[in-house]
Structures are given as structure tokens and as C-alpha cells.
Amino acid sequence: MFSARRLIAWITNPITPLIAGPLSDFVLEPALRNGESPMAGLFGSLVGVGPGAGMGLLIAFAGIASALVGAIAWTSRPVRDVDRLLPDAIPAKMGAP
């Protein structure tokens, strides 16, 4: 069971580079390479245009998504009050086994 949980938790580690690399190289970089595309007009003021702007946009999107996940989790009462809702661990009694 523990290995299945670890597999589910760590499955994103090898998948994210497989998605982020081609997304940056083949979609975002060409779209932001020059200032003539609609994406360059939309996001050019945020990350600029030229080499590296596509990767910058990907990092900016990841940061915004992380902030949104944190803000949404903060609006959930069970997540916000987890320290009051869950009991503290009961310390083990010291003594003979």
C-alpha cells in the first residue's frame, strides 16, 4: 500500500519535464520569438519577447497556478483549521517495553 501511495505522489516527477519541455520549445518559444504573434501582444508585456520568453511565460503560469491553488485551499475551512480540527499526537509513555 505504501508503494502505491508513493507511486501516485511521485508520478508527476517524470511526467512534468516531458510536458514542459515540448510545450516551451515548440509552442511558447515560437509564439513569443517575435513581437508579431497574438500571444506576444498578449503576454509580451509580462515576460517580454525573444529567446527565453516562452520559458519565462511557462514559469509565470506555474507561479500563478500555485498561488491560485494556495488561495483556493485557504478558503476551505478544513484545510485552514487543520491544526485545530486534528488532535495532536499522544506521546508514548516512557517505561519498560
PDB file of N, CA and C in Angstrom:
ATOM      1  N   MET A   1       0.814  -1.174   0.000  1.00  0.00           N
ATOM      2  CA  MET A   1       0.000   0.000   0.000  1.00  0.00           C
ATOM      3  C   MET A   1       0.870   1.255   0.000  1.00  0.00           C
ATOM      4  N   PHE A   2       1.959   1.223   0.779  1.00  0.00           N
ATOM      5  CA  PHE A   2       2.809   2.401   0.842  1.00  0.00           C
ATOM      6  C   PHE A   2       3.480   2.670  -0.505  1.00  0.00           C
ATOM      7  N   SER A   3       3.847   1.624  -1.216  1.00  0.00           N
ATOM      8  CA  SER A   3       4.471   1.838  -2.517  1.00  0.00           C
ATOM      9  C   SER A   3       3.466   2.384  -3.526  1.00  0.00           C
ATOM     10  N   ALA A   4       2.211   1.974  -3.435  1.00  0.00           N
ATOM     11  CA  ALA A   4       1.184   2.523  -4.329  1.00  0.00           C
ATOM     12  C   ALA A   4       0.953   4.001  -4.051  1.00  0.00           C
ATOM     13  N   ARG A   5       0.933   4.367  -2.782  1.00  0.00           N
ATOM     14  CA  ARG A   5       0.780   5.784  -2.431  1.00  0.00           C
ATOM     15  C   ARG A   5       1.965   6.600  -2.924  1.00  0.00           C
ATOM     16  N   ARG A   6       3.159   6.059  -2.773  1.00  0.00           N
ATOM     17  CA  ARG A   6       4.357   6.765  -3.239  1.00  0.00           C
ATOM     18  C   ARG A   6       4.347   6.903  -4.756  1.00  0.00           C
ATOM     19  N   LEU A   7       3.897   5.870  -5.459  1.00  0.00           N
ATOM     20  CA  LEU A   7       3.810   5.941  -6.914  1.00  0.00           C
ATOM     21  C   LEU A   7       2.859   7.047  -7.341  1.00  0.00           C
ATOM     22  N   ILE A   8       1.711   7.145  -6.702  1.00  0.00           N
ATOM     23  CA  ILE A   8       0.747   8.184  -7.039  1.00  0.00           C
ATOM     24  C   ILE A   8       1.316   9.569  -6.729  1.00  0.00           C
ATOM     25  N   ALA A   9       2.013   9.700  -5.629  1.00  0.00           N
ATOM     26  CA  ALA A   9       2.556  11.006  -5.248  1.00  0.00           C
ATOM     27  C   ALA A   9       3.710  11.421  -6.149  1.00  0.00           C
ATOM     28  N   TRP A  10       4.519  10.499  -6.613  1.00  0.00           N
ATOM     29  CA  TRP A  10       5.720  10.833  -7.366  1.00  0.00           C
ATOM     30  C   TRP A  10       5.575  10.674  -8.867  1.00  0.00           C
ATOM     31  N   ILE A  11       4.393  10.322  -9.362  1.00  0.00           N
ATOM     32  CA  ILE A  11       4.235  10.075 -10.796  1.00  0.00           C
ATOM     33  C   ILE A  11       4.432  11.357 -11.604  1.00  0.00           C
ATOM     34  N   THR A  12       4.223  12.512 -10.984  1.00  0.00           N
ATOM     35  CA  THR A  12       4.375  13.760 -11.725  1.00  0.00           C
ATOM     36  C   THR A  12       5.838  14.121 -11.964  1.00  0.00           C
ATOM     37  N   ASN A  13       6.757  13.590 -11.178  1.00  0.00           N
ATOM     38  CA  ASN A  13       8.175  13.927 -11.355  1.00  0.00           C
ATOM     39  C   ASN A  13       8.697  13.592 -12.757  1.00  0.00           C
ATOM     40  N   PRO A  14       8.471  12.410 -13.307  1.00  0.00           N
ATOM     41  CA  PRO A  14       8.966  12.179 -14.671  1.00  0.00           C
ATOM     42  C   PRO A  14       8.051  12.736 -15.758  1.00  0.00           C
ATOM     43  N   ILE A  15       6.802  13.023 -15.426  1.00  0.00           N
ATOM     44  CA  ILE A  15       5.863  13.494 -16.454  1.00  0.00           C
ATOM     45  C   ILE A  15       6.040  14.976 -16.742  1.00  0.00           C
ATOM     46  N   THR A  16       6.308  15.785 -15.734  1.00  0.00           N
ATOM     47  CA  THR A  16       6.365  17.231 -15.948  1.00  0.00           C
ATOM     48  C   THR A  16       7.456  17.661 -16.925  1.00  0.00           C
ATOM     49  N   PRO A  17       8.677  17.117 -16.871  1.00  0.00           N
ATOM     50  CA  PRO A  17       9.637  17.528 -17.910  1.00  0.00           C
ATOM     51  C   PRO A  17       9.222  17.098 -19.312  1.00  0.00           C
ATOM     52  N   LEU A  18       8.519  15.978 -19.408  1.00  0.00           N
ATOM     53  CA  LEU A  18       8.064  15.522 -20.722  1.00  0.00           C
ATOM     54  C   LEU A  18       6.997  16.443 -21.302  1.00  0.00           C
ATOM     55  N   ILE A  19       6.255  17.115 -20.438  1.00  0.00           N
ATOM     56  CA  ILE A  19       5.240  18.058 -20.906  1.00  0.00           C
ATOM     57  C   ILE A  19       5.822  19.455 -21.056  1.00  0.00           C
ATOM     58  N   ALA A  20       6.580  19.909 -20.076  1.00  0.00           N
ATOM     59  CA  ALA A  20       7.075  21.292 -20.066  1.00  0.00           C
ATOM     60  C   ALA A  20       8.095  21.547 -21.170  1.00  0.00           C
ATOM     61  N   GLY A  21       8.950  20.613 -21.455  1.00  0.00           N
ATOM     62  CA  GLY A  21       9.971  20.812 -22.484  1.00  0.00           C
ATOM     63  C   GLY A  21       9.378  21.053 -23.862  1.00  0.00           C
ATOM     64  N   PRO A  22       8.593  20.114 -24.388  1.00  0.00           N
ATOM     65  CA  PRO A  22       7.996  20.353 -25.703  1.00  0.00           C
ATOM     66  C   PRO A  22       7.027  21.539 -25.726  1.00  0.00           C
ATOM     67  N   LEU A  23       6.307  21.760 -24.631  1.00  0.00           N
ATOM     68  CA  LEU A  23       5.402  22.899 -24.585  1.00  0.00           C
ATOM     69  C   LEU A  23       6.175  24.203 -24.726  1.00  0.00           C
ATOM     70  N   SER A  24       7.284  24.297 -24.026  1.00  0.00           N
ATOM     71  CA  SER A  24       8.092  25.509 -24.104  1.00  0.00           C
ATOM     72  C   SER A  24       8.786  25.626 -25.462  1.00  0.00           C
ATOM     73  N   ASP A  25       9.408  24.544 -25.924  1.00  0.00           N
ATOM     74  CA  ASP A  25      10.201  24.605 -27.150  1.00  0.00           C
ATOM     75  C   ASP A  25       9.377  24.744 -28.419  1.00  0.00           C
ATOM     76  N   PHE A  26       8.237  24.064 -28.487  1.00  0.00           N
ATOM     77  CA  PHE A  26       7.508  24.010 -29.748  1.00  0.00           C
ATOM     78  C   PHE A  26       6.252  24.864 -29.779  1.00  0.00           C
ATOM     79  N   VAL A  27       5.788  25.344 -28.634  1.00  0.00           N
ATOM     80  CA  VAL A  27       4.568  26.151 -28.618  1.00  0.00           C
ATOM     81  C   VAL A  27       4.861  27.573 -28.147  1.00  0.00           C
ATOM     82  N   LEU A  28       5.392  27.714 -26.943  1.00  0.00           N
ATOM     83  CA  LEU A  28       5.536  29.044 -26.361  1.00  0.00           C
ATOM     84  C   LEU A  28       6.717  29.831 -26.935  1.00  0.00           C
ATOM     85  N   GLU A  29       7.861  29.193 -27.118  1.00  0.00           N
ATOM     86  CA  GLU A  29       9.018  29.904 -27.670  1.00  0.00           C
ATOM     87  C   GLU A  29       8.752  30.452 -29.071  1.00  0.00           C
ATOM     88  N   PRO A  30       8.226  29.647 -30.012  1.00  0.00           N
ATOM     89  CA  PRO A  30       7.950  30.218 -31.335  1.00  0.00           C
ATOM     90  C   PRO A  30       6.876  31.317 -31.297  1.00  0.00           C
ATOM     91  N   ALA A  31       5.923  31.195 -30.392  1.00  0.00           N
ATOM     92  CA  ALA A  31       4.866  32.204 -30.326  1.00  0.00           C
ATOM     93  C   ALA A  31       5.377  33.526 -29.774  1.00  0.00           C
ATOM     94  N   LEU A  32       6.413  33.487 -28.945  1.00  0.00           N
ATOM     95  CA  LEU A  32       6.944  34.710 -28.347  1.00  0.00           C
ATOM     96  C   LEU A  32       8.304  35.109 -28.925  1.00  0.00           C
ATOM     97  N   ARG A  33       8.711  34.462 -29.993  1.00  0.00           N
ATOM     98  CA  ARG A  33      10.025  34.759 -30.566  1.00  0.00           C
ATOM     99  C   ARG A  33      10.070  36.158 -31.185  1.00  0.00           C
ATOM    100  N   ASN A  34       9.016  36.534 -31.864  1.00  0.00           N
ATOM    101  CA  ASN A  34       8.951  37.878 -32.426  1.00  0.00           C
ATOM    102  C   ASN A  34       7.711  38.569 -31.879  1.00  0.00           C
ATOM    103  N   GLY A  35       7.618  39.836 -32.044  1.00  0.00           N
ATOM    104  CA  GLY A  35       6.504  40.582 -31.477  1.00  0.00           C
ATOM    105  C   GLY A  35       5.275  40.649 -32.355  1.00  0.00           C
ATOM    106  N   GLU A  36       5.155  39.770 -33.348  1.00  0.00           N
ATOM    107  CA  GLU A  36       4.054  39.847 -34.308  1.00  0.00           C
ATOM    108  C   GLU A  36       2.902  38.913 -34.000  1.00  0.00           C
ATOM    109  N   SER A  37       3.083  37.906 -33.170  1.00  0.00           N
ATOM    110  CA  SER A  37       2.017  36.940 -32.916  1.00  0.00           C
ATOM    111  C   SER A  37       1.037  37.491 -31.879  1.00  0.00           C
ATOM    112  N   PRO A  38      -0.183  36.971 -31.863  1.00  0.00           N
ATOM    113  CA  PRO A  38      -1.153  37.415 -30.855  1.00  0.00           C
ATOM    114  C   PRO A  38      -0.709  37.124 -29.416  1.00  0.00           C
ATOM    115  N   MET A  39      -0.005  36.015 -29.213  1.00  0.00           N
ATOM    116  CA  MET A  39       0.478  35.709 -27.855  1.00  0.00           C
ATOM    117  C   MET A  39       1.531  36.704 -27.409  1.00  0.00           C
ATOM    118  N   ALA A  40       2.354  37.175 -28.341  1.00  0.00           N
ATOM    119  CA  ALA A  40       3.373  38.159 -27.988  1.00  0.00           C
ATOM    120  C   ALA A  40       2.710  39.475 -27.602  1.00  0.00           C
ATOM    121  N   GLY A  41       1.635  39.821 -28.282  1.00  0.00           N
ATOM    122  CA  GLY A  41       0.917  41.036 -27.919  1.00  0.00           C
ATOM    123  C   GLY A  41       0.230  40.918 -26.575  1.00  0.00           C
ATOM    124  N   LEU A  42      -0.225  39.706 -26.251  1.00  0.00           N
ATOM    125  CA  LEU A  42      -0.957  39.491 -25.013  1.00  0.00           C
ATOM    126  C   LEU A  42      -0.024  39.353 -23.811  1.00  0.00           C
ATOM    127  N   PHE A  43       1.047  38.572 -23.955  1.00  0.00           N
ATOM    128  CA  PHE A  43       1.927  38.283 -22.827  1.00  0.00           C
ATOM    129  C   PHE A  43       3.301  38.936 -22.936  1.00  0.00           C
ATOM    130  N   GLY A  44       3.547  39.675 -24.000  1.00  0.00           N
ATOM    131  CA  GLY A  44       4.848  40.294 -24.195  1.00  0.00           C
ATOM    132  C   GLY A  44       5.198  41.305 -23.120  1.00  0.00           C
ATOM    133  N   SER A  45       4.210  42.009 -22.617  1.00  0.00           N
ATOM    134  CA  SER A  45       4.500  42.980 -21.566  1.00  0.00           C
ATOM    135  C   SER A  45       4.822  42.294 -20.241  1.00  0.00           C
ATOM    136  N   LEU A  46       4.391  41.054 -20.071  1.00  0.00           N
ATOM    137  CA  LEU A  46       4.663  40.315 -18.834  1.00  0.00           C
ATOM    138  C   LEU A  46       6.057  39.698 -18.830  1.00  0.00           C
ATOM    139  N   VAL A  47       6.416  39.008 -19.920  1.00  0.00           N
ATOM    140  CA  VAL A  47       7.695  38.285 -19.955  1.00  0.00           C
ATOM    141  C   VAL A  47       8.619  38.774 -21.053  1.00  0.00           C
ATOM    142  N   GLY A  48       8.185  39.671 -21.886  1.00  0.00           N
ATOM    143  CA  GLY A  48       8.999  40.156 -22.994  1.00  0.00           C
ATOM    144  C   GLY A  48       8.867  39.254 -24.204  1.00  0.00           C
ATOM    145  N   VAL A  49       9.608  39.567 -25.245  1.00  0.00           N
ATOM    146  CA  VAL A  49       9.642  38.741 -26.453  1.00  0.00           C
ATOM    147  C   VAL A  49      11.089  38.433 -26.767  1.00  0.00           C
ATOM    148  N   GLY A  50      11.302  37.346 -27.478  1.00  0.00           N
ATOM    149  CA  GLY A  50      12.653  36.946 -27.839  1.00  0.00           C
ATOM    150  C   GLY A  50      13.013  35.618 -27.210  1.00  0.00           C
ATOM    151  N   PRO A  51      14.285  35.249 -27.301  1.00  0.00           N
ATOM    152  CA  PRO A  51      14.712  33.963 -26.750  1.00  0.00           C
ATOM    153  C   PRO A  51      14.489  33.897 -25.235  1.00  0.00           C
ATOM    154  N   GLY A  52      13.920  32.807 -24.781  1.00  0.00           N
ATOM    155  CA  GLY A  52      13.683  32.601 -23.354  1.00  0.00           C
ATOM    156  C   GLY A  52      12.352  33.115 -22.860  1.00  0.00           C
ATOM    157  N   ALA A  53      11.620  33.857 -23.669  1.00  0.00           N
ATOM    158  CA  ALA A  53      10.338  34.404 -23.223  1.00  0.00           C
ATOM    159  C   ALA A  53       9.294  33.309 -23.041  1.00  0.00           C
ATOM    160  N   GLY A  54       9.350  32.264 -23.854  1.00  0.00           N
ATOM    161  CA  GLY A  54       8.395  31.160 -23.708  1.00  0.00           C
ATOM    162  C   GLY A  54       8.567  30.426 -22.399  1.00  0.00           C
ATOM    163  N   MET A  55       9.820  30.188 -22.016  1.00  0.00           N
ATOM    164  CA  MET A  55      10.082  29.526 -20.736  1.00  0.00           C
ATOM    165  C   MET A  55       9.697  30.446 -19.588  1.00  0.00           C
ATOM    166  N   GLY A  56       9.928  31.734 -19.737  1.00  0.00           N
ATOM    167  CA  GLY A  56       9.510  32.691 -18.713  1.00  0.00           C
ATOM    168  C   GLY A  56       8.005  32.700 -18.536  1.00  0.00           C
ATOM    169  N   LEU A  57       7.277  32.597 -19.641  1.00  0.00           N
ATOM    170  CA  LEU A  57       5.819  32.548 -19.556  1.00  0.00           C
ATOM    171  C   LEU A  57       5.353  31.271 -18.875  1.00  0.00           C
ATOM    172  N   LEU A  58       6.012  30.167 -19.176  1.00  0.00           N
ATOM    173  CA  LEU A  58       5.667  28.897 -18.525  1.00  0.00           C
ATOM    174  C   LEU A  58       5.899  28.974 -17.017  1.00  0.00           C
ATOM    175  N   ILE A  59       7.004  29.576 -16.602  1.00  0.00           N
ATOM    176  CA  ILE A  59       7.290  29.724 -15.177  1.00  0.00           C
ATOM    177  C   ILE A  59       6.299  30.679 -14.527  1.00  0.00           C
ATOM    178  N   ALA A  60       5.927  31.746 -15.231  1.00  0.00           N
ATOM    179  CA  ALA A  60       4.942  32.685 -14.691  1.00  0.00           C
ATOM    180  C   ALA A  60       3.586  31.998 -14.518  1.00  0.00           C
ATOM    181  N   PHE A  61       3.183  31.203 -15.500  1.00  0.00           N
ATOM    182  CA  PHE A  61       1.925  30.460 -15.374  1.00  0.00           C
ATOM    183  C   PHE A  61       1.964  29.480 -14.206  1.00  0.00           C
ATOM    184  N   ALA A  62       3.089  28.801 -14.018  1.00  0.00           N
ATOM    185  CA  ALA A  62       3.220  27.856 -12.910  1.00  0.00           C
ATOM    186  C   ALA A  62       3.129  28.571 -11.569  1.00  0.00           C
ATOM    187  N   GLY A  63       3.733  29.738 -11.463  1.00  0.00           N
ATOM    188  CA  GLY A  63       3.651  30.509 -10.221  1.00  0.00           C
ATOM    189  C   GLY A  63       2.240  30.996  -9.936  1.00  0.00           C
ATOM    190  N   ILE A  64       1.557  31.473 -10.970  1.00  0.00           N
ATOM    191  CA  ILE A  64       0.182  31.934 -10.798  1.00  0.00           C
ATOM    192  C   ILE A  64      -0.725  30.768 -10.412  1.00  0.00           C
ATOM    193  N   ALA A  65      -0.523  29.613 -11.054  1.00  0.00           N
ATOM    194  CA  ALA A  65      -1.331  28.435 -10.718  1.00  0.00           C
ATOM    195  C   ALA A  65      -1.079  27.984  -9.285  1.00  0.00           C
ATOM    196  N   SER A  66       0.164  28.031  -8.828  1.00  0.00           N
ATOM    197  CA  SER A  66       0.474  27.657  -7.448  1.00  0.00           C
ATOM    198  C   SER A  66      -0.184  28.610  -6.456  1.00  0.00           C
ATOM    199  N   ALA A  67      -0.150  29.893  -6.760  1.00  0.00           N
ATOM    200  CA  ALA A  67      -0.796  30.872  -5.884  1.00  0.00           C
ATOM    201  C   ALA A  67      -2.307  30.668  -5.846  1.00  0.00           C
ATOM    202  N   LEU A  68      -2.902  30.337  -6.983  1.00  0.00           N
ATOM    203  CA  LEU A  68      -4.349  30.081  -7.014  1.00  0.00           C
ATOM    204  C   LEU A  68      -4.711  28.837  -6.212  1.00  0.00           C
ATOM    205  N   VAL A  69      -3.918  27.792  -6.319  1.00  0.00           N
ATOM    206  CA  VAL A  69      -4.192  26.578  -5.540  1.00  0.00           C
ATOM    207  C   VAL A  69      -4.105  26.878  -4.052  1.00  0.00           C
ATOM    208  N   GLY A  70      -3.110  27.651  -3.641  1.00  0.00           N
ATOM    209  CA  GLY A  70      -2.992  28.027  -2.235  1.00  0.00           C
ATOM    210  C   GLY A  70      -4.154  28.885  -1.765  1.00  0.00           C
ATOM    211  N   ALA A  71      -4.585  29.823  -2.605  1.00  0.00           N
ATOM    212  CA  ALA A  71      -5.719  30.678  -2.228  1.00  0.00           C
ATOM    213  C   ALA A  71      -7.011  29.886  -2.155  1.00  0.00           C
ATOM    214  N   ILE A  72      -7.221  28.969  -3.067  1.00  0.00           N
ATOM    215  CA  ILE A  72      -8.434  28.137  -3.035  1.00  0.00           C
ATOM    216  C   ILE A  72      -8.412  27.216  -1.819  1.00  0.00           C
ATOM    217  N   ALA A  73      -7.248  26.656  -1.505  1.00  0.00           N
ATOM    218  CA  ALA A  73      -7.153  25.798  -0.318  1.00  0.00           C
ATOM    219  C   ALA A  73      -7.399  26.613   0.948  1.00  0.00           C
ATOM    220  N   TRP A  74      -6.972  27.863   0.967  1.00  0.00           N
ATOM    221  CA  TRP A  74      -7.164  28.695   2.149  1.00  0.00           C
ATOM    222  C   TRP A  74      -8.645  29.005   2.381  1.00  0.00           C
ATOM    223  N   THR A  75      -9.449  29.022   1.338  1.00  0.00           N
ATOM    224  CA  THR A  75     -10.882  29.277   1.506  1.00  0.00           C
ATOM    225  C   THR A  75     -11.622  28.057   2.047  1.00  0.00           C
ATOM    226  N   SER A  76     -10.994  26.898   2.051  1.00  0.00           N
ATOM    227  CA  SER A  76     -11.604  25.690   2.580  1.00  0.00           C
ATOM    228  C   SER A  76     -11.377  25.632   4.091  1.00  0.00           C
ATOM    229  N   ARG A  77     -12.444  25.613   4.859  1.00  0.00           N
ATOM    230  CA  ARG A  77     -12.324  25.621   6.312  1.00  0.00           C
ATOM    231  C   ARG A  77     -11.548  24.423   6.858  1.00  0.00           C
ATOM    232  N   PRO A  78     -11.763  23.187   6.372  1.00  0.00           N
ATOM    233  CA  PRO A  78     -10.975  22.070   6.916  1.00  0.00           C
ATOM    234  C   PRO A  78      -9.466  22.224   6.683  1.00  0.00           C
ATOM    235  N   VAL A  79      -9.082  22.802   5.554  1.00  0.00           N
ATOM    236  CA  VAL A  79      -7.653  22.995   5.306  1.00  0.00           C
ATOM    237  C   VAL A  79      -7.114  24.130   6.176  1.00  0.00           C
ATOM    238  N   ARG A  80      -7.862  25.203   6.279  1.00  0.00           N
ATOM    239  CA  ARG A  80      -7.412  26.359   7.052  1.00  0.00           C
ATOM    240  C   ARG A  80      -7.323  26.043   8.541  1.00  0.00           C
ATOM    241  N   ASP A  81      -8.243  25.233   9.070  1.00  0.00           N
ATOM    242  CA  ASP A  81      -8.293  24.947  10.502  1.00  0.00           C
ATOM    243  C   ASP A  81      -7.771  23.560  10.848  1.00  0.00           C
ATOM    244  N   VAL A  82      -6.885  23.014  10.033  1.00  0.00           N
ATOM    245  CA  VAL A  82      -6.418  21.651  10.258  1.00  0.00           C
ATOM    246  C   VAL A  82      -5.709  21.512  11.602  1.00  0.00           C
ATOM    247  N   ASP A  83      -5.048  22.559  12.089  1.00  0.00           N
ATOM    248  CA  ASP A  83      -4.347  22.442  13.363  1.00  0.00           C
ATOM    249  C   ASP A  83      -5.308  22.385  14.544  1.00  0.00           C
ATOM    250  N   ARG A  84      -6.505  22.900  14.384  1.00  0.00           N
ATOM    251  CA  ARG A  84      -7.496  22.829  15.464  1.00  0.00           C
ATOM    252  C   ARG A  84      -8.411  21.616  15.330  1.00  0.00           C
ATOM    253  N   LEU A  85      -8.606  21.133  14.106  1.00  0.00           N
ATOM    254  CA  LEU A  85      -9.527  20.021  13.893  1.00  0.00           C
ATOM    255  C   LEU A  85      -8.901  18.658  14.190  1.00  0.00           C
ATOM    256  N   LEU A  86      -7.622  18.501  13.904  1.00  0.00           N
ATOM    257  CA  LEU A  86      -6.964  17.217  14.148  1.00  0.00           C
ATOM    258  C   LEU A  86      -6.303  17.221  15.515  1.00  0.00           C
ATOM    259  N   PRO A  87      -6.437  16.143  16.245  1.00  0.00           N
ATOM    260  CA  PRO A  87      -5.803  16.101  17.570  1.00  0.00           C
ATOM    261  C   PRO A  87      -4.293  15.969  17.436  1.00  0.00           C
ATOM    262  N   ASP A  88      -3.605  16.446  18.449  1.00  0.00           N
ATOM    263  CA  ASP A  88      -2.162  16.298  18.484  1.00  0.00           C
ATOM    264  C   ASP A  88      -1.808  14.852  18.793  1.00  0.00           C
ATOM    265  N   ALA A  89      -0.605  14.483  18.461  1.00  0.00           N
ATOM    266  CA  ALA A  89      -0.156  13.122  18.722  1.00  0.00           C
ATOM    267  C   ALA A  89      -0.011  12.916  20.228  1.00  0.00           C
ATOM    268  N   ILE A  90      -0.420  11.776  20.672  1.00  0.00           N
ATOM    269  CA  ILE A  90      -0.298  11.444  22.090  1.00  0.00           C
ATOM    270  C   ILE A  90       1.089  10.852  22.311  1.00  0.00           C
ATOM    271  N   PRO A  91       1.884  11.448  23.181  1.00  0.00           N
ATOM    272  CA  PRO A  91       3.239  10.923  23.369  1.00  0.00           C
ATOM    273  C   PRO A  91       3.206   9.549  24.023  1.00  0.00           C
ATOM    274  N   ALA A  92       4.148   8.722  23.605  1.00  0.00           N
ATOM    275  CA  ALA A  92       4.263   7.378  24.159  1.00  0.00           C
ATOM    276  C   ALA A  92       4.764   7.450  25.590  1.00  0.00           C
ATOM    277  N   LYS A  93       4.272   6.557  26.430  1.00  0.00           N
ATOM    278  CA  LYS A  93       4.727   6.525  27.829  1.00  0.00           C
ATOM    279  C   LYS A  93       6.100   5.907  27.894  1.00  0.00           C
ATOM    280  N   MET A  94       6.943   6.535  28.679  1.00  0.00           N
ATOM    281  CA  MET A  94       8.288   6.002  28.856  1.00  0.00           C
ATOM    282  C   MET A  94       8.230   4.908  29.930  1.00  0.00           C
ATOM    283  N   GLY A  95       8.891   3.838  29.659  1.00  0.00           N
ATOM    284  CA  GLY A  95       8.889   2.751  30.639  1.00  0.00           C
ATOM    285  C   GLY A  95       9.407   1.477  30.012  1.00  0.00           C
ATOM    286  N   ALA A  96       9.223   0.394  30.710  1.00  0.00           N
ATOM    287  CA  ALA A  96       9.689  -0.901  30.228  1.00  0.00           C
ATOM    288  C   ALA A  96       8.798  -1.350  29.092  1.00  0.00           C
ATOM    289  N   PRO A  97       9.399  -1.963  28.067  1.00  0.00           N
ATOM    290  CA  PRO A  97       8.602  -2.443  26.939  1.00  0.00           C
ATOM    291  C   PRO A  97       7.739  -3.633  27.292  1.00  0.00           C
TER     292      PRO A  97
END
